[in-house]
C-alpha atoms as a PDB file:
ATOM      1  CA  MET A   1     -66.448  40.189  13.224  1.00  0.00           C
ATOM      2  CA  SER A   2     -63.742  42.054  15.122  1.00  0.00           C
ATOM      3  CA  THR A   3     -60.165  42.433  14.044  1.00  0.00           C
ATOM      4  CA  PRO A   4     -57.168  41.560  16.202  1.00  0.00           C
ATOM      5  CA  THR A   5     -54.952  44.163  17.773  1.00  0.00           C
ATOM      6  CA  VAL A   6     -51.580  44.023  16.057  1.00  0.00           C
ATOM      7  CA  ILE A   7     -48.467  45.348  17.741  1.00  0.00           C
ATOM      8  CA  ALA A   8     -45.463  45.663  15.456  1.00  0.00           C
ATOM      9  CA  GLY A   9     -42.204  47.560  15.718  1.00  0.00           C
ATOM     10  CA  GLN A  10     -41.260  50.224  13.218  1.00  0.00           C
ATOM     11  CA  MET A  11     -37.734  50.402  11.867  1.00  0.00           C
ATOM     12  CA  ASP A  12     -37.090  53.912  13.135  1.00  0.00           C
ATOM     13  CA  ALA A  13     -33.956  54.587  15.196  1.00  0.00           C
ATOM     14  CA  LYS A  14     -34.528  58.334  15.615  1.00  0.00           C
ATOM     15  CA  GLY A  15     -34.005  59.511  19.170  1.00  0.00           C
ATOM     16  CA  LEU A  16     -32.567  56.228  20.428  1.00  0.00           C
ATOM     17  CA  ARG A  17     -29.337  55.651  22.338  1.00  0.00           C
ATOM     18  CA  ILE A  18     -27.626  52.450  21.196  1.00  0.00           C
ATOM     19  CA  ALA A  19     -24.504  50.573  22.264  1.00  0.00           C
ATOM     20  CA  ILE A  20     -22.676  48.064  20.103  1.00  0.00           C
ATOM     21  CA  VAL A  21     -20.437  45.623  21.956  1.00  0.00           C
ATOM     22  CA  ALA A  22     -17.924  44.068  19.580  1.00  0.00           C
ATOM     23  CA  THR A  23     -15.180  41.535  20.180  1.00  0.00           C
ATOM     24  CA  ARG A  24     -11.600  42.051  19.029  1.00  0.00           C
ATOM     25  CA  PHE A  25     -11.063  38.302  18.654  1.00  0.00           C
ATOM     26  CA  ASN A  26     -11.643  37.437  14.971  1.00  0.00           C
ATOM     27  CA  ASP A  27     -11.832  41.158  14.257  1.00  0.00           C
ATOM     28  CA  PHE A  28     -11.406  40.584  10.527  1.00  0.00           C
ATOM     29  CA  ILE A  29     -14.964  39.195  10.677  1.00  0.00           C
ATOM     30  CA  VAL A  30     -16.376  41.283  13.534  1.00  0.00           C
ATOM     31  CA  ASP A  31     -15.371  44.594  11.932  1.00  0.00           C
ATOM     32  CA  ARG A  32     -17.637  43.730   8.991  1.00  0.00           C
ATOM     33  CA  LEU A  33     -20.494  42.980  11.395  1.00  0.00           C
ATOM     34  CA  VAL A  34     -19.955  46.332  13.138  1.00  0.00           C
ATOM     35  CA  GLY A  35     -19.893  48.141   9.795  1.00  0.00           C
ATOM     36  CA  GLY A  36     -23.165  46.512   8.775  1.00  0.00           C
ATOM     37  CA  ALA A  37     -24.876  47.313  12.084  1.00  0.00           C
ATOM     38  CA  VAL A  38     -23.732  50.945  12.078  1.00  0.00           C
ATOM     39  CA  ASP A  39     -24.776  51.439   8.454  1.00  0.00           C
ATOM     40  CA  PHE A  40     -28.208  49.931   9.154  1.00  0.00           C
ATOM     41  CA  LEU A  41     -28.796  52.094  12.222  1.00  0.00           C
ATOM     42  CA  GLU A  42     -27.682  55.274  10.442  1.00  0.00           C
ATOM     43  CA  ARG A  43     -29.937  54.514   7.456  1.00  0.00           C
ATOM     44  CA  HIS A  44     -32.838  54.124   9.899  1.00  0.00           C
ATOM     45  CA  GLY A  45     -32.334  57.500  11.522  1.00  0.00           C
ATOM     46  CA  LEU A  46     -29.874  56.969  14.376  1.00  0.00           C
ATOM     47  CA  ASP A  47     -27.812  60.039  15.219  1.00  0.00           C
ATOM     48  CA  THR A  48     -24.269  58.677  15.561  1.00  0.00           C
ATOM     49  CA  ALA A  49     -23.765  61.013  18.531  1.00  0.00           C
ATOM     50  CA  ASN A  50     -26.115  58.570  20.312  1.00  0.00           C
ATOM     51  CA  LEU A  51     -24.048  55.509  19.361  1.00  0.00           C
ATOM     52  CA  THR A  52     -21.374  53.995  21.590  1.00  0.00           C
ATOM     53  CA  ILE A  53     -19.122  51.191  20.340  1.00  0.00           C
ATOM     54  CA  VAL A  54     -17.425  49.154  23.055  1.00  0.00           C
ATOM     55  CA  ARG A  55     -14.559  46.861  22.010  1.00  0.00           C
ATOM     56  CA  ILE A  56     -13.872  43.861  24.239  1.00  0.00           C
ATOM     57  CA  PRO A  57     -11.494  40.870  24.092  1.00  0.00           C
ATOM     58  CA  GLY A  58     -13.799  38.022  23.093  1.00  0.00           C
ATOM     59  CA  ALA A  59     -17.216  36.378  23.110  1.00  0.00           C
ATOM     60  CA  PHE A  60     -16.953  35.116  26.680  1.00  0.00           C
ATOM     61  CA  GLU A  61     -16.897  38.738  27.878  1.00  0.00           C
ATOM     62  CA  LEU A  62     -20.021  39.771  25.923  1.00  0.00           C
ATOM     63  CA  PRO A  63     -22.555  38.967  28.675  1.00  0.00           C
ATOM     64  CA  LEU A  64     -20.723  40.935  31.376  1.00  0.00           C
ATOM     65  CA  VAL A  65     -20.274  44.049  29.261  1.00  0.00           C
ATOM     66  CA  CYS A  66     -23.829  43.883  27.879  1.00  0.00           C
ATOM     67  CA  ARG A  67     -25.148  43.493  31.427  1.00  0.00           C
ATOM     68  CA  LYS A  68     -23.158  46.506  32.669  1.00  0.00           C
ATOM     69  CA  LEU A  69     -24.457  48.639  29.793  1.00  0.00           C
ATOM     70  CA  ALA A  70     -28.046  47.476  30.310  1.00  0.00           C
ATOM     71  CA  ALA A  71     -27.856  48.126  34.065  1.00  0.00           C
ATOM     72  CA  SER A  72     -26.705  51.696  33.411  1.00  0.00           C
ATOM     73  CA  ARG A  73     -30.094  52.480  31.812  1.00  0.00           C
ATOM     74  CA  THR A  74     -28.182  54.768  29.434  1.00  0.00           C
ATOM     75  CA  TYR A  75     -29.051  52.774  26.318  1.00  0.00           C
ATOM     76  CA  ASP A  76     -32.366  51.871  24.713  1.00  0.00           C
ATOM     77  CA  GLY A  77     -30.778  48.798  23.127  1.00  0.00           C
ATOM     78  CA  ILE A  78     -27.535  46.922  22.673  1.00  0.00           C
ATOM     79  CA  VAL A  79     -26.108  44.968  19.761  1.00  0.00           C
ATOM     80  CA  ALA A  80     -23.727  42.137  20.736  1.00  0.00           C
ATOM     81  CA  LEU A  81     -21.311  41.233  17.929  1.00  0.00           C
ATOM     82  CA  GLY A  82     -18.614  38.581  17.810  1.00  0.00           C
ATOM     83  CA  ALA A  83     -17.391  35.518  15.970  1.00  0.00           C
ATOM     84  CA  VAL A  84     -16.427  32.153  17.421  1.00  0.00           C
ATOM     85  CA  ILE A  85     -14.991  29.667  14.936  1.00  0.00           C
ATOM     86  CA  ARG A  86     -14.816  25.987  15.852  1.00  0.00           C
ATOM     87  CA  GLY A  87     -11.364  24.587  16.503  1.00  0.00           C
ATOM     88  CA  ALA A  88     -10.057  21.161  17.459  1.00  0.00           C
ATOM     89  CA  THR A  89     -11.097  21.313  21.136  1.00  0.00           C
ATOM     90  CA  PRO A  90     -14.431  21.618  22.992  1.00  0.00           C
ATOM     91  CA  HIS A  91     -13.550  25.236  23.922  1.00  0.00           C
ATOM     92  CA  PHE A  92     -15.895  26.442  21.136  1.00  0.00           C
ATOM     93  CA  ASP A  93     -18.914  24.741  22.740  1.00  0.00           C
ATOM     94  CA  TYR A  94     -18.310  26.262  26.165  1.00  0.00           C
ATOM     95  CA  VAL A  95     -17.721  29.780  24.905  1.00  0.00           C
ATOM     96  CA  CYS A  96     -20.754  29.748  22.601  1.00  0.00           C
ATOM     97  CA  ALA A  97     -23.102  28.283  25.203  1.00  0.00           C
ATOM     98  CA  GLU A  98     -22.088  30.616  28.022  1.00  0.00           C
ATOM     99  CA  ALA A  99     -22.033  33.745  25.860  1.00  0.00           C
ATOM    100  CA  SER A 100     -25.486  32.953  24.437  1.00  0.00           C
ATOM    101  CA  LYS A 101     -26.955  32.163  27.830  1.00  0.00           C
ATOM    102  CA  GLY A 102     -25.477  35.285  29.426  1.00  0.00           C
ATOM    103  CA  ILE A 103     -26.748  37.587  26.700  1.00  0.00           C
ATOM    104  CA  ALA A 104     -30.257  36.133  27.000  1.00  0.00           C
ATOM    105  CA  GLN A 105     -30.172  36.493  30.793  1.00  0.00           C
ATOM    106  CA  THR A 106     -29.113  40.119  30.442  1.00  0.00           C
ATOM    107  CA  MET A 107     -32.044  40.874  28.182  1.00  0.00           C
ATOM    108  CA  LEU A 108     -34.531  39.294  30.550  1.00  0.00           C
ATOM    109  CA  GLU A 109     -33.023  40.692  33.744  1.00  0.00           C
ATOM    110  CA  HIS A 110     -32.799  44.295  32.525  1.00  0.00           C
ATOM    111  CA  GLU A 111     -35.629  44.303  29.959  1.00  0.00           C
ATOM    112  CA  THR A 112     -33.236  45.844  27.462  1.00  0.00           C
ATOM    113  CA  PRO A 113     -33.268  44.499  23.899  1.00  0.00           C
ATOM    114  CA  VAL A 114     -29.951  42.945  22.903  1.00  0.00           C
ATOM    115  CA  GLY A 115     -29.465  42.096  19.235  1.00  0.00           C
ATOM    116  CA  PHE A 116     -27.722  38.733  19.068  1.00  0.00           C
ATOM    117  CA  GLY A 117     -24.938  38.984  16.512  1.00  0.00           C
ATOM    118  CA  LEU A 118     -22.553  36.350  17.834  1.00  0.00           C
ATOM    119  CA  LEU A 119     -21.537  34.137  14.930  1.00  0.00           C
ATOM    120  CA  THR A 120     -20.934  30.516  15.918  1.00  0.00           C
ATOM    121  CA  CYS A 121     -19.368  28.953  12.852  1.00  0.00           C
ATOM    122  CA  ASP A 122     -17.703  25.676  11.982  1.00  0.00           C
ATOM    123  CA  SER A 123     -15.244  27.343   9.601  1.00  0.00           C
ATOM    124  CA  ILE A 124     -13.771  30.655   8.547  1.00  0.00           C
ATOM    125  CA  ASP A 125     -15.685  30.330   5.260  1.00  0.00           C
ATOM    126  CA  GLN A 126     -18.988  30.165   7.163  1.00  0.00           C
ATOM    127  CA  ALA A 127     -18.029  33.245   9.168  1.00  0.00           C
ATOM    128  CA  ILE A 128     -17.136  35.185   6.012  1.00  0.00           C
ATOM    129  CA  GLU A 129     -20.483  34.188   4.457  1.00  0.00           C
ATOM    130  CA  ARG A 130     -22.345  35.596   7.481  1.00  0.00           C
ATOM    131  CA  ALA A 131     -20.335  38.806   7.641  1.00  0.00           C
ATOM    132  CA  GLY A 132     -21.497  40.261   4.373  1.00  0.00           C
ATOM    133  CA  SER A 133     -21.278  37.768   1.543  1.00  0.00           C
ATOM    134  CA  LYS A 134     -23.638  34.899   0.600  1.00  0.00           C
ATOM    135  CA  ALA A 135     -25.579  34.715   3.871  1.00  0.00           C
ATOM    136  CA  GLY A 136     -25.960  38.483   4.310  1.00  0.00           C
ATOM    137  CA  ASN A 137     -24.571  40.460   7.221  1.00  0.00           C
ATOM    138  CA  LYS A 138     -25.603  39.156  10.634  1.00  0.00           C
ATOM    139  CA  GLY A 139     -24.597  42.495  12.190  1.00  0.00           C
ATOM    140  CA  VAL A 140     -27.391  44.108  10.186  1.00  0.00           C
ATOM    141  CA  GLU A 141     -29.824  41.393  11.280  1.00  0.00           C
ATOM    142  CA  ALA A 142     -28.877  41.799  14.958  1.00  0.00           C
ATOM    143  CA  ALA A 143     -29.326  45.583  14.768  1.00  0.00           C
ATOM    144  CA  ALA A 144     -32.681  45.168  13.021  1.00  0.00           C
ATOM    145  CA  ALA A 145     -33.955  42.685  15.619  1.00  0.00           C
ATOM    146  CA  MET A 146     -32.882  44.981  18.448  1.00  0.00           C
ATOM    147  CA  LEU A 147     -34.504  48.033  16.833  1.00  0.00           C
ATOM    148  CA  GLU A 148     -37.798  46.283  16.137  1.00  0.00           C
ATOM    149  CA  THR A 149     -37.889  44.904  19.686  1.00  0.00           C
ATOM    150  CA  ILE A 150     -37.331  48.372  21.179  1.00  0.00           C
ATOM    151  CA  ARG A 151     -40.273  49.705  19.201  1.00  0.00           C
ATOM    152  CA  VAL A 152     -42.514  46.748  20.134  1.00  0.00           C
ATOM    153  CA  LEU A 153     -41.709  47.124  23.847  1.00  0.00           C
ATOM    154  CA  GLU A 154     -42.669  50.801  23.688  1.00  0.00           C
ATOM    155  CA  GLN A 155     -46.189  49.700  22.746  1.00  0.00           C
ATOM    156  CA  LEU A 156     -46.647  47.061  25.448  1.00  0.00           C
END
């Protein structure tokens, strides 16, 4: 009986060029996501000389900036970080939907892995939980997903 071919990404960031795009809106949350992502990438071998952090106004701008970075072909991967917290109007729904859709389109269009670290939370407490307390740090998870995807794509 034959065995299947298994393709899996290694968590090794050595030699990669990475961009982190982080929103300033809700920066008290986003800064913790950035810190988690940077720490993860450094612990997995990324030379910080190959790391660019781009600060932008808010989540709605994430797709445009990620697309511009991906189109430059300068970066092996991108981590998109932000936090949208539900308010009293439908604004939350529009921002979250369009930012998510645009980030996904960027990944597909440019074949550049983008770690999705946009928190979409119903409350500040939920955001705090996802930025390094009870629910872990979603910046770390986004960086890990991006890194593993880079290494899988190299094998395809």
